[in-house]
Amino acid sequence: MKKIETIEQFEEVLNNNKTAFIVKHSLTCPISAAAFDEYKQYADTHKDIDTFYLAVQEARPLSNYIAETFEVRHESPQALLFSDRSVVWNASHGGITVDSLQEASTKA
């Protein structure tokens, strides 16, 4: 799992990975912390899809760019699965679980 903070890093992820999960999370929200823990558990046990994350407080321009470019309403926490430079799945808040991430990975 790798942290990204800039639009350039995000574009590099899309250019270098056919499929990737990205999670937006808040550094101050307990709901976001719980979702991020689920994401970390998924990332630690599933190495078949590259995983990335951003902290919205530290990467607001990137968070906004993703929402605007892919027409996905910004939420935090929010998990997005990209495949071939498109969002093929997303979930937020309690919808981010190890099981939901595993199920989503079959859509890639």
C-alpha atoms as a PDB file:
ATOM      1  CA  MET A   1       0.000   0.000   0.000  1.00  0.00           C
ATOM      2  CA  LYS A   2       1.503   3.294  -1.105  1.00  0.00           C
ATOM      3  CA  LYS A   3       0.541   6.843  -0.215  1.00  0.00           C
ATOM      4  CA  ILE A   4      -0.100   9.292  -3.051  1.00  0.00           C
ATOM      5  CA  GLU A   5      -0.454  13.034  -2.645  1.00  0.00           C
ATOM      6  CA  THR A   6      -0.338  14.679  -6.054  1.00  0.00           C
ATOM      7  CA  ILE A   7      -2.232  14.561  -9.326  1.00  0.00           C
ATOM      8  CA  GLU A   8       1.030  13.571 -11.016  1.00  0.00           C
ATOM      9  CA  GLN A   9       1.452  10.573  -8.706  1.00  0.00           C
ATOM     10  CA  PHE A  10      -2.165   9.571  -9.318  1.00  0.00           C
ATOM     11  CA  GLU A  11      -1.728   9.769 -13.100  1.00  0.00           C
ATOM     12  CA  GLU A  12       1.397   7.649 -12.776  1.00  0.00           C
ATOM     13  CA  VAL A  13      -0.636   5.035 -10.873  1.00  0.00           C
ATOM     14  CA  LEU A  14      -3.213   4.935 -13.668  1.00  0.00           C
ATOM     15  CA  ASN A  15      -0.530   4.781 -16.363  1.00  0.00           C
ATOM     16  CA  ASN A  16       1.448   2.004 -14.668  1.00  0.00           C
ATOM     17  CA  ASN A  17      -1.355  -0.178 -13.282  1.00  0.00           C
ATOM     18  CA  LYS A  18      -4.123  -1.791 -15.287  1.00  0.00           C
ATOM     19  CA  THR A  19      -6.050  -2.167 -12.026  1.00  0.00           C
ATOM     20  CA  ALA A  20      -5.640  -0.363  -8.688  1.00  0.00           C
ATOM     21  CA  PHE A  21      -7.548   0.408  -5.513  1.00  0.00           C
ATOM     22  CA  ILE A  22      -7.349   3.920  -4.101  1.00  0.00           C
ATOM     23  CA  VAL A  23      -8.818   4.928  -0.765  1.00  0.00           C
ATOM     24  CA  LYS A  24      -9.467   8.486   0.304  1.00  0.00           C
ATOM     25  CA  HIS A  25      -9.535   8.848   4.057  1.00  0.00           C
ATOM     26  CA  SER A  26      -9.727  11.490   6.739  1.00  0.00           C
ATOM     27  CA  LEU A  27      -7.051  11.710   9.390  1.00  0.00           C
ATOM     28  CA  THR A  28      -9.563  12.935  11.996  1.00  0.00           C
ATOM     29  CA  CYS A  29     -12.705  10.831  11.478  1.00  0.00           C
ATOM     30  CA  PRO A  30     -13.240   7.608  13.467  1.00  0.00           C
ATOM     31  CA  ILE A  31     -15.482   6.150  10.725  1.00  0.00           C
ATOM     32  CA  SER A  32     -12.703   6.793   8.230  1.00  0.00           C
ATOM     33  CA  ALA A  33     -10.175   5.173  10.571  1.00  0.00           C
ATOM     34  CA  ALA A  34     -12.295   2.017  10.764  1.00  0.00           C
ATOM     35  CA  ALA A  35     -12.670   1.864   6.968  1.00  0.00           C
ATOM     36  CA  PHE A  36      -8.937   2.452   6.542  1.00  0.00           C
ATOM     37  CA  ASP A  37      -8.203  -0.450   8.905  1.00  0.00           C
ATOM     38  CA  GLU A  38     -10.385  -2.701   6.719  1.00  0.00           C
ATOM     39  CA  TYR A  39      -8.503  -1.459   3.648  1.00  0.00           C
ATOM     40  CA  LYS A  40      -5.132  -2.182   5.276  1.00  0.00           C
ATOM     41  CA  GLN A  41      -6.273  -5.704   6.162  1.00  0.00           C
ATOM     42  CA  TYR A  42      -7.341  -6.245   2.559  1.00  0.00           C
ATOM     43  CA  ALA A  43      -4.084  -4.823   1.174  1.00  0.00           C
ATOM     44  CA  ASP A  44      -1.961  -6.957   3.502  1.00  0.00           C
ATOM     45  CA  THR A  45      -3.570 -10.193   2.341  1.00  0.00           C
ATOM     46  CA  HIS A  46      -4.320  -9.472  -1.338  1.00  0.00           C
ATOM     47  CA  LYS A  47      -1.269  -8.618  -3.395  1.00  0.00           C
ATOM     48  CA  ASP A  48      -2.936  -9.237  -6.771  1.00  0.00           C
ATOM     49  CA  ILE A  49      -4.199  -5.627  -7.062  1.00  0.00           C
ATOM     50  CA  ASP A  50      -1.990  -2.653  -6.223  1.00  0.00           C
ATOM     51  CA  THR A  51      -3.317  -0.498  -3.393  1.00  0.00           C
ATOM     52  CA  PHE A  52      -2.875   3.218  -2.790  1.00  0.00           C
ATOM     53  CA  TYR A  53      -4.311   5.795  -0.432  1.00  0.00           C
ATOM     54  CA  LEU A  54      -4.513   9.512   0.151  1.00  0.00           C
ATOM     55  CA  ALA A  55      -5.346  11.596   3.199  1.00  0.00           C
ATOM     56  CA  VAL A  56      -7.892  14.204   2.158  1.00  0.00           C
ATOM     57  CA  GLN A  57      -6.473  16.835   4.531  1.00  0.00           C
ATOM     58  CA  GLU A  58      -3.059  16.493   2.899  1.00  0.00           C
ATOM     59  CA  ALA A  59      -4.146  16.000  -0.708  1.00  0.00           C
ATOM     60  CA  ARG A  60      -7.312  18.042  -1.211  1.00  0.00           C
ATOM     61  CA  PRO A  61      -6.449  19.022  -4.826  1.00  0.00           C
ATOM     62  CA  LEU A  62      -5.946  15.355  -5.716  1.00  0.00           C
ATOM     63  CA  SER A  63      -9.149  14.310  -3.965  1.00  0.00           C
ATOM     64  CA  ASN A  64     -11.098  16.967  -5.854  1.00  0.00           C
ATOM     65  CA  TYR A  65      -9.400  16.026  -9.133  1.00  0.00           C
ATOM     66  CA  ILE A  66     -10.476  12.401  -8.789  1.00  0.00           C
ATOM     67  CA  ALA A  67     -14.061  13.394  -7.993  1.00  0.00           C
ATOM     68  CA  GLU A  68     -14.292  15.846 -10.893  1.00  0.00           C
ATOM     69  CA  THR A  69     -12.409  13.816 -13.500  1.00  0.00           C
ATOM     70  CA  PHE A  70     -14.262  10.567 -12.871  1.00  0.00           C
ATOM     71  CA  GLU A  71     -17.605  12.129 -11.906  1.00  0.00           C
ATOM     72  CA  VAL A  72     -17.707  10.266  -8.608  1.00  0.00           C
ATOM     73  CA  ARG A  73     -19.126  12.271  -5.726  1.00  0.00           C
ATOM     74  CA  HIS A  74     -16.403  12.905  -3.137  1.00  0.00           C
ATOM     75  CA  GLU A  75     -16.856  11.100   0.146  1.00  0.00           C
ATOM     76  CA  SER A  76     -14.487  10.329   2.959  1.00  0.00           C
ATOM     77  CA  PRO A  77     -13.765   7.569   3.529  1.00  0.00           C
ATOM     78  CA  GLN A  78     -14.131   6.351  -0.032  1.00  0.00           C
ATOM     79  CA  ALA A  79     -12.688   3.330  -1.820  1.00  0.00           C
ATOM     80  CA  LEU A  80     -12.376   3.348  -5.602  1.00  0.00           C
ATOM     81  CA  LEU A  81     -11.374   0.538  -7.905  1.00  0.00           C
ATOM     82  CA  PHE A  82      -9.814   1.680 -11.160  1.00  0.00           C
ATOM     83  CA  SER A  83      -9.482  -0.564 -14.179  1.00  0.00           C
ATOM     84  CA  ASP A  84      -8.194   0.693 -17.523  1.00  0.00           C
ATOM     85  CA  ARG A  85      -8.341   4.306 -16.278  1.00  0.00           C
ATOM     86  CA  SER A  86     -12.031   4.041 -15.294  1.00  0.00           C
ATOM     87  CA  VAL A  87     -13.769   3.714 -11.944  1.00  0.00           C
ATOM     88  CA  VAL A  88     -15.452   0.302 -11.988  1.00  0.00           C
ATOM     89  CA  TRP A  89     -16.517   0.266  -8.332  1.00  0.00           C
ATOM     90  CA  ASN A  90     -16.670   2.595  -5.357  1.00  0.00           C
ATOM     91  CA  ALA A  91     -17.952   2.502  -1.797  1.00  0.00           C
ATOM     92  CA  SER A  92     -17.897   4.755   1.214  1.00  0.00           C
ATOM     93  CA  HIS A  93     -18.127   4.660   4.985  1.00  0.00           C
ATOM     94  CA  GLY A  94     -19.380   1.288   6.306  1.00  0.00           C
ATOM     95  CA  GLY A  95     -19.387  -0.109   2.777  1.00  0.00           C
ATOM     96  CA  ILE A  96     -15.595  -0.399   2.895  1.00  0.00           C
ATOM     97  CA  THR A  97     -14.859  -3.839   4.320  1.00  0.00           C
ATOM     98  CA  VAL A  98     -12.415  -6.604   3.564  1.00  0.00           C
ATOM     99  CA  ASP A  99     -15.308  -8.581   2.081  1.00  0.00           C
ATOM    100  CA  SER A 100     -16.588  -5.731  -0.106  1.00  0.00           C
ATOM    101  CA  LEU A 101     -13.084  -5.028  -1.391  1.00  0.00           C
ATOM    102  CA  GLN A 102     -12.566  -8.707  -2.152  1.00  0.00           C
ATOM    103  CA  GLU A 103     -15.878  -8.875  -4.009  1.00  0.00           C
ATOM    104  CA  ALA A 104     -15.092  -5.666  -5.913  1.00  0.00           C
ATOM    105  CA  SER A 105     -11.723  -7.042  -7.010  1.00  0.00           C
ATOM    106  CA  THR A 106     -13.580  -9.593  -9.132  1.00  0.00           C
ATOM    107  CA  LYS A 107     -14.966  -6.698 -11.222  1.00  0.00           C
ATOM    108  CA  ALA A 108     -11.503  -5.676 -12.410  1.00  0.00           C
END
